[in-house]
Amino acid sequence: MDRTTKSSLLWGVVGALSFLVLVQGYELLAARPIAATIKVGVALAVGVGATALTHTARGRLLGNESP
């Protein structure tokens, strides 16, 4: 697997897991639980979105690091 593809997929996983942690924190503080299907669906959407955005924006971001 190409390094850039692997990196994009890993950022997608990080995005999906971060969303699930955020939802878990919400459920600890709020009285209403969220259905598991909604959690999984939105987490998948966040993961796919983060993967696509990372893969698309990679070329723009590589030249913008400050020394």
PDB file of N, CA and C in Angstrom:
ATOM      1  N   MET A   1       0.850  -1.178   0.000  1.00  0.00           N
ATOM      2  CA  MET A   1       0.000   0.000   0.000  1.00  0.00           C
ATOM      3  C   MET A   1       0.895   1.240   0.000  1.00  0.00           C
ATOM      4  N   ASP A   2       0.474   2.228  -0.754  1.00  0.00           N
ATOM      5  CA  ASP A   2       1.213   3.486  -0.856  1.00  0.00           C
ATOM      6  C   ASP A   2       1.210   4.222   0.491  1.00  0.00           C
ATOM      7  N   ARG A   3       2.300   4.913   0.795  1.00  0.00           N
ATOM      8  CA  ARG A   3       2.414   5.612   2.078  1.00  0.00           C
ATOM      9  C   ARG A   3       1.366   6.705   2.237  1.00  0.00           C
ATOM     10  N   THR A   4       1.067   7.418   1.159  1.00  0.00           N
ATOM     11  CA  THR A   4       0.086   8.501   1.263  1.00  0.00           C
ATOM     12  C   THR A   4      -1.322   7.952   1.490  1.00  0.00           C
ATOM     13  N   THR A   5      -1.636   6.843   0.853  1.00  0.00           N
ATOM     14  CA  THR A   5      -2.946   6.218   1.060  1.00  0.00           C
ATOM     15  C   THR A   5      -3.073   5.700   2.480  1.00  0.00           C
ATOM     16  N   LYS A   6      -2.018   5.074   2.961  1.00  0.00           N
ATOM     17  CA  LYS A   6      -2.028   4.554   4.327  1.00  0.00           C
ATOM     18  C   LYS A   6      -2.177   5.686   5.338  1.00  0.00           C
ATOM     19  N   SER A   7      -1.473   6.786   5.112  1.00  0.00           N
ATOM     20  CA  SER A   7      -1.559   7.934   6.003  1.00  0.00           C
ATOM     21  C   SER A   7      -2.969   8.525   6.000  1.00  0.00           C
ATOM     22  N   SER A   8      -3.577   8.634   4.829  1.00  0.00           N
ATOM     23  CA  SER A   8      -4.937   9.165   4.736  1.00  0.00           C
ATOM     24  C   SER A   8      -5.932   8.266   5.450  1.00  0.00           C
ATOM     25  N   LEU A   9      -5.792   6.959   5.288  1.00  0.00           N
ATOM     26  CA  LEU A   9      -6.688   6.021   5.965  1.00  0.00           C
ATOM     27  C   LEU A   9      -6.536   6.095   7.483  1.00  0.00           C
ATOM     28  N   LEU A  10      -5.308   6.246   7.951  1.00  0.00           N
ATOM     29  CA  LEU A  10      -5.089   6.354   9.390  1.00  0.00           C
ATOM     30  C   LEU A  10      -5.700   7.637   9.947  1.00  0.00           C
ATOM     31  N   TRP A  11      -5.629   8.738   9.205  1.00  0.00           N
ATOM     32  CA  TRP A  11      -6.272   9.975   9.654  1.00  0.00           C
ATOM     33  C   TRP A  11      -7.781   9.817   9.674  1.00  0.00           C
ATOM     34  N   GLY A  12      -8.329   9.025   8.753  1.00  0.00           N
ATOM     35  CA  GLY A  12      -9.754   8.736   8.778  1.00  0.00           C
ATOM     36  C   GLY A  12     -10.150   7.961  10.023  1.00  0.00           C
ATOM     37  N   VAL A  13      -9.326   6.997  10.409  1.00  0.00           N
ATOM     38  CA  VAL A  13      -9.580   6.227  11.630  1.00  0.00           C
ATOM     39  C   VAL A  13      -9.507   7.134  12.852  1.00  0.00           C
ATOM     40  N   VAL A  14      -8.524   8.017  12.874  1.00  0.00           N
ATOM     41  CA  VAL A  14      -8.393   8.958  13.992  1.00  0.00           C
ATOM     42  C   VAL A  14      -9.627   9.859  14.082  1.00  0.00           C
ATOM     43  N   GLY A  15     -10.121  10.328  12.945  1.00  0.00           N
ATOM     44  CA  GLY A  15     -11.308  11.169  12.941  1.00  0.00           C
ATOM     45  C   GLY A  15     -12.541  10.437  13.444  1.00  0.00           C
ATOM     46  N   ALA A  16     -12.726   9.189  12.982  1.00  0.00           N
ATOM     47  CA  ALA A  16     -13.890   8.409  13.410  1.00  0.00           C
ATOM     48  C   ALA A  16     -13.832   8.097  14.899  1.00  0.00           C
ATOM     49  N   LEU A  17     -12.673   7.706  15.390  1.00  0.00           N
ATOM     50  CA  LEU A  17     -12.539   7.396  16.816  1.00  0.00           C
ATOM     51  C   LEU A  17     -12.689   8.644  17.679  1.00  0.00           C
ATOM     52  N   SER A  18     -12.211   9.776  17.189  1.00  0.00           N
ATOM     53  CA  SER A  18     -12.378  11.027  17.931  1.00  0.00           C
ATOM     54  C   SER A  18     -13.850  11.400  18.040  1.00  0.00           C
ATOM     55  N   PHE A  19     -14.594  11.186  16.970  1.00  0.00           N
ATOM     56  CA  PHE A  19     -16.026  11.447  17.020  1.00  0.00           C
ATOM     57  C   PHE A  19     -16.697  10.534  18.039  1.00  0.00           C
ATOM     58  N   LEU A  20     -16.335   9.268  18.060  1.00  0.00           N
ATOM     59  CA  LEU A  20     -16.952   8.339  19.006  1.00  0.00           C
ATOM     60  C   LEU A  20     -16.618   8.706  20.453  1.00  0.00           C
ATOM     61  N   VAL A  21     -15.422   9.203  20.696  1.00  0.00           N
ATOM     62  CA  VAL A  21     -15.069   9.670  22.042  1.00  0.00           C
ATOM     63  C   VAL A  21     -15.911  10.883  22.412  1.00  0.00           C
ATOM     64  N   LEU A  22     -16.115  11.781  21.468  1.00  0.00           N
ATOM     65  CA  LEU A  22     -16.948  12.952  21.719  1.00  0.00           C
ATOM     66  C   LEU A  22     -18.381  12.546  22.044  1.00  0.00           C
ATOM     67  N   VAL A  23     -18.919  11.582  21.328  1.00  0.00           N
ATOM     68  CA  VAL A  23     -20.282  11.113  21.584  1.00  0.00           C
ATOM     69  C   VAL A  23     -20.363  10.439  22.948  1.00  0.00           C
ATOM     70  N   GLN A  24     -19.350   9.693  23.307  1.00  0.00           N
ATOM     71  CA  GLN A  24     -19.340   9.032  24.613  1.00  0.00           C
ATOM     72  C   GLN A  24     -19.349  10.080  25.738  1.00  0.00           C
ATOM     73  N   GLY A  25     -18.572  11.127  25.583  1.00  0.00           N
ATOM     74  CA  GLY A  25     -18.574  12.202  26.569  1.00  0.00           C
ATOM     75  C   GLY A  25     -19.915  12.886  26.657  1.00  0.00           C
ATOM     76  N   TYR A  26     -20.567  13.073  25.514  1.00  0.00           N
ATOM     77  CA  TYR A  26     -21.903  13.662  25.513  1.00  0.00           C
ATOM     78  C   TYR A  26     -22.885  12.778  26.270  1.00  0.00           C
ATOM     79  N   GLU A  27     -22.816  11.484  26.026  1.00  0.00           N
ATOM     80  CA  GLU A  27     -23.747  10.568  26.696  1.00  0.00           C
ATOM     81  C   GLU A  27     -23.508  10.500  28.198  1.00  0.00           C
ATOM     82  N   LEU A  28     -22.281  10.706  28.623  1.00  0.00           N
ATOM     83  CA  LEU A  28     -22.006  10.719  30.060  1.00  0.00           C
ATOM     84  C   LEU A  28     -22.624  11.941  30.732  1.00  0.00           C
ATOM     85  N   LEU A  29     -22.679  13.053  30.016  1.00  0.00           N
ATOM     86  CA  LEU A  29     -23.194  14.290  30.597  1.00  0.00           C
ATOM     87  C   LEU A  29     -24.681  14.519  30.348  1.00  0.00           C
ATOM     88  N   ALA A  30     -25.209  13.982  29.267  1.00  0.00           N
ATOM     89  CA  ALA A  30     -26.609  14.222  28.912  1.00  0.00           C
ATOM     90  C   ALA A  30     -27.475  13.052  29.372  1.00  0.00           C
ATOM     91  N   ALA A  31     -28.761  13.321  29.488  1.00  0.00           N
ATOM     92  CA  ALA A  31     -29.685  12.289  29.942  1.00  0.00           C
ATOM     93  C   ALA A  31     -30.147  11.385  28.803  1.00  0.00           C
ATOM     94  N   ARG A  32     -30.052  11.863  27.557  1.00  0.00           N
ATOM     95  CA  ARG A  32     -30.552  11.098  26.418  1.00  0.00           C
ATOM     96  C   ARG A  32     -29.449  10.270  25.763  1.00  0.00           C
ATOM     97  N   PRO A  33     -29.659   8.982  25.626  1.00  0.00           N
ATOM     98  CA  PRO A  33     -28.682   8.177  24.875  1.00  0.00           C
ATOM     99  C   PRO A  33     -28.900   8.329  23.370  1.00  0.00           C
ATOM    100  N   ILE A  34     -27.876   8.063  22.616  1.00  0.00           N
ATOM    101  CA  ILE A  34     -27.944   8.114  21.158  1.00  0.00           C
ATOM    102  C   ILE A  34     -27.930   6.683  20.644  1.00  0.00           C
ATOM    103  N   ALA A  35     -28.748   6.397  19.650  1.00  0.00           N
ATOM    104  CA  ALA A  35     -28.840   5.051  19.087  1.00  0.00           C
ATOM    105  C   ALA A  35     -27.494   4.630  18.474  1.00  0.00           C
ATOM    106  N   ALA A  36     -27.178   3.355  18.617  1.00  0.00           N
ATOM    107  CA  ALA A  36     -25.903   2.834  18.124  1.00  0.00           C
ATOM    108  C   ALA A  36     -25.791   2.957  16.609  1.00  0.00           C
ATOM    109  N   THR A  37     -26.891   2.799  15.903  1.00  0.00           N
ATOM    110  CA  THR A  37     -26.837   2.901  14.441  1.00  0.00           C
ATOM    111  C   THR A  37     -26.483   4.316  13.992  1.00  0.00           C
ATOM    112  N   ILE A  38     -26.981   5.305  14.711  1.00  0.00           N
ATOM    113  CA  ILE A  38     -26.647   6.695  14.380  1.00  0.00           C
ATOM    114  C   ILE A  38     -25.172   6.953  14.675  1.00  0.00           C
ATOM    115  N   LYS A  39     -24.684   6.461  15.800  1.00  0.00           N
ATOM    116  CA  LYS A  39     -23.268   6.637  16.142  1.00  0.00           C
ATOM    117  C   LYS A  39     -22.367   6.045  15.069  1.00  0.00           C
ATOM    118  N   VAL A  40     -22.665   4.812  14.678  1.00  0.00           N
ATOM    119  CA  VAL A  40     -21.826   4.128  13.688  1.00  0.00           C
ATOM    120  C   VAL A  40     -21.923   4.820  12.332  1.00  0.00           C
ATOM    121  N   GLY A  41     -23.121   5.212  11.944  1.00  0.00           N
ATOM    122  CA  GLY A  41     -23.290   5.882  10.658  1.00  0.00           C
ATOM    123  C   GLY A  41     -22.541   7.201  10.561  1.00  0.00           C
ATOM    124  N   VAL A  42     -22.668   8.009  11.601  1.00  0.00           N
ATOM    125  CA  VAL A  42     -21.975   9.303  11.583  1.00  0.00           C
ATOM    126  C   VAL A  42     -20.464   9.098  11.716  1.00  0.00           C
ATOM    127  N   ALA A  43     -20.033   8.130  12.507  1.00  0.00           N
ATOM    128  CA  ALA A  43     -18.602   7.854  12.634  1.00  0.00           C
ATOM    129  C   ALA A  43     -18.015   7.409  11.291  1.00  0.00           C
ATOM    130  N   LEU A  44     -18.754   6.597  10.549  1.00  0.00           N
ATOM    131  CA  LEU A  44     -18.289   6.201   9.213  1.00  0.00           C
ATOM    132  C   LEU A  44     -18.219   7.399   8.271  1.00  0.00           C
ATOM    133  N   ALA A  45     -19.213   8.277   8.338  1.00  0.00           N
ATOM    134  CA  ALA A  45     -19.204   9.473   7.502  1.00  0.00           C
ATOM    135  C   ALA A  45     -18.028  10.383   7.851  1.00  0.00           C
ATOM    136  N   VAL A  46     -17.765  10.549   9.137  1.00  0.00           N
ATOM    137  CA  VAL A  46     -16.622  11.367   9.565  1.00  0.00           C
ATOM    138  C   VAL A  46     -15.314  10.732   9.110  1.00  0.00           C
ATOM    139  N   GLY A  47     -15.213   9.415   9.238  1.00  0.00           N
ATOM    140  CA  GLY A  47     -13.996   8.721   8.807  1.00  0.00           C
ATOM    141  C   GLY A  47     -13.752   8.850   7.317  1.00  0.00           C
ATOM    142  N   VAL A  48     -14.800   8.674   6.520  1.00  0.00           N
ATOM    143  CA  VAL A  48     -14.655   8.807   5.069  1.00  0.00           C
ATOM    144  C   VAL A  48     -14.331  10.249   4.702  1.00  0.00           C
ATOM    145  N   GLY A  49     -14.990  11.196   5.351  1.00  0.00           N
ATOM    146  CA  GLY A  49     -14.712  12.607   5.079  1.00  0.00           C
ATOM    147  C   GLY A  49     -13.293  13.006   5.447  1.00  0.00           C
ATOM    148  N   ALA A  50     -12.825  12.550   6.586  1.00  0.00           N
ATOM    149  CA  ALA A  50     -11.453  12.862   7.008  1.00  0.00           C
ATOM    150  C   ALA A  50     -10.434  12.222   6.070  1.00  0.00           C
ATOM    151  N   THR A  51     -10.721  10.998   5.634  1.00  0.00           N
ATOM    152  CA  THR A  51      -9.820  10.325   4.693  1.00  0.00           C
ATOM    153  C   THR A  51      -9.749  11.083   3.374  1.00  0.00           C
ATOM    154  N   ALA A  52     -10.912  11.450   2.841  1.00  0.00           N
ATOM    155  CA  ALA A  52     -10.955  12.155   1.558  1.00  0.00           C
ATOM    156  C   ALA A  52     -10.301  13.528   1.661  1.00  0.00           C
ATOM    157  N   LEU A  53     -10.582  14.244   2.736  1.00  0.00           N
ATOM    158  CA  LEU A  53     -10.002  15.579   2.905  1.00  0.00           C
ATOM    159  C   LEU A  53      -8.483  15.506   3.068  1.00  0.00           C
ATOM    160  N   THR A  54      -8.020  14.545   3.822  1.00  0.00           N
ATOM    161  CA  THR A  54      -6.578  14.390   4.010  1.00  0.00           C
ATOM    162  C   THR A  54      -5.896  14.047   2.692  1.00  0.00           C
ATOM    163  N   HIS A  55      -6.493  13.145   1.948  1.00  0.00           N
ATOM    164  CA  HIS A  55      -5.898  12.735   0.670  1.00  0.00           C
ATOM    165  C   HIS A  55      -5.902  13.879  -0.337  1.00  0.00           C
ATOM    166  N   THR A  56      -6.980  14.675  -0.339  1.00  0.00           N
ATOM    167  CA  THR A  56      -7.096  15.783  -1.283  1.00  0.00           C
ATOM    168  C   THR A  56      -6.183  16.943  -0.908  1.00  0.00           C
ATOM    169  N   ALA A  57      -6.106  17.276   0.355  1.00  0.00           N
ATOM    170  CA  ALA A  57      -5.363  18.458   0.792  1.00  0.00           C
ATOM    171  C   ALA A  57      -3.881  18.184   1.023  1.00  0.00           C
ATOM    172  N   ARG A  58      -3.462  16.954   0.886  1.00  0.00           N
ATOM    173  CA  ARG A  58      -2.067  16.603   1.176  1.00  0.00           C
ATOM    174  C   ARG A  58      -1.081  17.425   0.350  1.00  0.00           C
ATOM    175  N   GLY A  59      -1.351  17.614  -0.921  1.00  0.00           N
ATOM    176  CA  GLY A  59      -0.447  18.374  -1.787  1.00  0.00           C
ATOM    177  C   GLY A  59      -0.329  19.832  -1.394  1.00  0.00           C
ATOM    178  N   ARG A  60      -1.391  20.403  -0.914  1.00  0.00           N
ATOM    179  CA  ARG A  60      -1.363  21.804  -0.497  1.00  0.00           C
ATOM    180  C   ARG A  60      -0.656  21.992   0.838  1.00  0.00           C
ATOM    181  N   LEU A  61      -0.748  21.017   1.706  1.00  0.00           N
ATOM    182  CA  LEU A  61      -0.202  21.173   3.042  1.00  0.00           C
ATOM    183  C   LEU A  61       1.290  20.866   3.145  1.00  0.00           C
ATOM    184  N   LEU A  62       1.803  20.042   2.244  1.00  0.00           N
ATOM    185  CA  LEU A  62       3.203  19.637   2.362  1.00  0.00           C
ATOM    186  C   LEU A  62       4.180  20.788   2.207  1.00  0.00           C
ATOM    187  N   GLY A  63       3.879  21.784   1.387  1.00  0.00           N
ATOM    188  CA  GLY A  63       4.789  22.896   1.169  1.00  0.00           C
ATOM    189  C   GLY A  63       4.612  24.033   2.139  1.00  0.00           C
ATOM    190  N   ASN A  64       3.702  23.922   3.086  1.00  0.00           N
ATOM    191  CA  ASN A  64       3.383  25.033   3.971  1.00  0.00           C
ATOM    192  C   ASN A  64       3.944  24.903   5.375  1.00  0.00           C
ATOM    193  N   GLU A  65       4.896  24.021   5.589  1.00  0.00           N
ATOM    194  CA  GLU A  65       5.463  23.897   6.932  1.00  0.00           C
ATOM    195  C   GLU A  65       6.433  25.036   7.192  1.00  0.00           C
ATOM    196  N   SER A  66       6.375  25.577   8.376  1.00  0.00           N
ATOM    197  CA  SER A  66       7.320  26.634   8.729  1.00  0.00           C
ATOM    198  C   SER A  66       8.576  25.994   9.323  1.00  0.00           C
ATOM    199  N   PRO A  67       9.736  26.637   9.157  1.00  0.00           N
ATOM    200  CA  PRO A  67      10.991  26.031   9.640  1.00  0.00           C
ATOM    201  C   PRO A  67      11.119  26.018  11.128  1.00  0.00           C
TER     202      PRO A  67
END
